[in-house]
């Protein structure tokens, strides 16, 4: 299963953004996102930010991912 992961933008350099996902830092191409800013939440898949999301949406996505990880660790 492929998931887009939520992250909060920490730094932007050109079309690349450093963002945080569960305490880990990743880079994503943000060229497809309109006016990305430090502090914005994004959904990232395959190295590209697909869209901005709200903090509430990010929390819901994180809860879903954690549930999936938990379910798979019991198998």
C-alpha atoms as a PDB file:
ATOM      1  CA  UNK A   1       0.000   0.000   0.000  1.00  0.00           C
ATOM      2  CA  UNK A   2       1.299   3.466  -0.881  1.00  0.00           C
ATOM      3  CA  UNK A   3       0.440   6.350   1.385  1.00  0.00           C
ATOM      4  CA  UNK A   4       1.009  10.045   1.205  1.00  0.00           C
ATOM      5  CA  UNK A   5       2.529  11.246   4.445  1.00  0.00           C
ATOM      6  CA  UNK A   6       1.753  14.524   6.189  1.00  0.00           C
ATOM      7  CA  UNK A   7       4.511  16.849   7.264  1.00  0.00           C
ATOM      8  CA  UNK A   8       5.078  20.363   8.504  1.00  0.00           C
ATOM      9  CA  UNK A   9       7.402  22.527   6.408  1.00  0.00           C
ATOM     10  CA  UNK A  10      10.460  23.656   8.377  1.00  0.00           C
ATOM     11  CA  UNK A  11      12.547  25.279   5.623  1.00  0.00           C
ATOM     12  CA  UNK A  12      12.207  26.093   1.924  1.00  0.00           C
ATOM     13  CA  UNK A  13      15.056  26.394  -0.567  1.00  0.00           C
ATOM     14  CA  UNK A  14      13.881  27.088  -4.108  1.00  0.00           C
ATOM     15  CA  UNK A  15      11.377  24.368  -4.990  1.00  0.00           C
ATOM     16  CA  UNK A  16      12.533  22.019  -2.209  1.00  0.00           C
ATOM     17  CA  UNK A  17      11.174  21.965   1.318  1.00  0.00           C
ATOM     18  CA  UNK A  18      12.526  20.330   4.436  1.00  0.00           C
ATOM     19  CA  UNK A  19       9.617  18.950   6.410  1.00  0.00           C
ATOM     20  CA  UNK A  20       9.047  16.962   9.568  1.00  0.00           C
ATOM     21  CA  UNK A  21       7.196  13.638   9.681  1.00  0.00           C
ATOM     22  CA  UNK A  22       6.984  12.001  13.113  1.00  0.00           C
ATOM     23  CA  UNK A  23      10.239  13.562  14.281  1.00  0.00           C
ATOM     24  CA  UNK A  24      12.187  12.735  11.109  1.00  0.00           C
ATOM     25  CA  UNK A  25      13.210  15.257   8.469  1.00  0.00           C
ATOM     26  CA  UNK A  26      12.630  14.707   4.763  1.00  0.00           C
ATOM     27  CA  UNK A  27      12.923  16.762   1.585  1.00  0.00           C
ATOM     28  CA  UNK A  28      10.080  17.215  -0.874  1.00  0.00           C
ATOM     29  CA  UNK A  29       9.623  19.037  -4.158  1.00  0.00           C
ATOM     30  CA  UNK A  30       6.957  21.680  -3.479  1.00  0.00           C
ATOM     31  CA  UNK A  31       6.744  23.097  -6.996  1.00  0.00           C
ATOM     32  CA  UNK A  32       3.177  21.739  -7.416  1.00  0.00           C
ATOM     33  CA  UNK A  33       1.925  23.471  -4.255  1.00  0.00           C
ATOM     34  CA  UNK A  34       0.657  27.047  -4.504  1.00  0.00           C
ATOM     35  CA  UNK A  35       2.663  29.447  -2.333  1.00  0.00           C
ATOM     36  CA  UNK A  36       4.209  26.998   0.185  1.00  0.00           C
ATOM     37  CA  UNK A  37       5.315  28.631   3.442  1.00  0.00           C
ATOM     38  CA  UNK A  38       7.300  27.530   6.486  1.00  0.00           C
ATOM     39  CA  UNK A  39       4.760  26.180   8.974  1.00  0.00           C
ATOM     40  CA  UNK A  40       2.377  24.842   6.299  1.00  0.00           C
ATOM     41  CA  UNK A  41       1.284  21.220   6.453  1.00  0.00           C
ATOM     42  CA  UNK A  42       1.678  19.212   3.250  1.00  0.00           C
ATOM     43  CA  UNK A  43       0.876  15.742   1.970  1.00  0.00           C
ATOM     44  CA  UNK A  44       3.965  14.189   0.372  1.00  0.00           C
ATOM     45  CA  UNK A  45       4.176  11.137  -1.866  1.00  0.00           C
ATOM     46  CA  UNK A  46       7.195   9.885  -3.781  1.00  0.00           C
ATOM     47  CA  UNK A  47       9.285  12.960  -2.972  1.00  0.00           C
ATOM     48  CA  UNK A  48       6.651  15.483  -4.076  1.00  0.00           C
ATOM     49  CA  UNK A  49       4.257  17.585  -2.070  1.00  0.00           C
ATOM     50  CA  UNK A  50       0.835  16.976  -3.558  1.00  0.00           C
ATOM     51  CA  UNK A  51      -1.149  19.567  -1.617  1.00  0.00           C
ATOM     52  CA  UNK A  52      -1.403  21.698   1.476  1.00  0.00           C
ATOM     53  CA  UNK A  53      -3.584  20.353   4.261  1.00  0.00           C
ATOM     54  CA  UNK A  54      -4.843  21.681   7.566  1.00  0.00           C
ATOM     55  CA  UNK A  55      -3.283  20.693  10.874  1.00  0.00           C
ATOM     56  CA  UNK A  56      -6.478  18.753  11.677  1.00  0.00           C
ATOM     57  CA  UNK A  57      -6.164  16.800   8.418  1.00  0.00           C
ATOM     58  CA  UNK A  58      -2.501  16.115   9.220  1.00  0.00           C
ATOM     59  CA  UNK A  59      -3.452  14.769  12.667  1.00  0.00           C
ATOM     60  CA  UNK A  60      -6.125  12.523  11.125  1.00  0.00           C
ATOM     61  CA  UNK A  61      -3.593  11.189   8.596  1.00  0.00           C
ATOM     62  CA  UNK A  62      -1.015  10.556  11.331  1.00  0.00           C
ATOM     63  CA  UNK A  63      -3.599   8.672  13.414  1.00  0.00           C
ATOM     64  CA  UNK A  64      -4.467   6.513  10.382  1.00  0.00           C
ATOM     65  CA  UNK A  65      -0.788   5.764   9.675  1.00  0.00           C
ATOM     66  CA  UNK A  66      -0.131   4.871  13.315  1.00  0.00           C
ATOM     67  CA  UNK A  67      -3.150   2.549  13.323  1.00  0.00           C
ATOM     68  CA  UNK A  68      -1.905   0.837  10.156  1.00  0.00           C
ATOM     69  CA  UNK A  69       1.571   0.413  11.674  1.00  0.00           C
ATOM     70  CA  UNK A  70       0.042  -1.008  14.847  1.00  0.00           C
ATOM     71  CA  UNK A  71      -2.209  -3.410  12.938  1.00  0.00           C
ATOM     72  CA  UNK A  72       0.723  -4.696  10.863  1.00  0.00           C
ATOM     73  CA  UNK A  73       2.988  -5.184  13.881  1.00  0.00           C
ATOM     74  CA  UNK A  74       0.452  -7.640  15.345  1.00  0.00           C
ATOM     75  CA  UNK A  75       0.514  -9.896  12.257  1.00  0.00           C
END
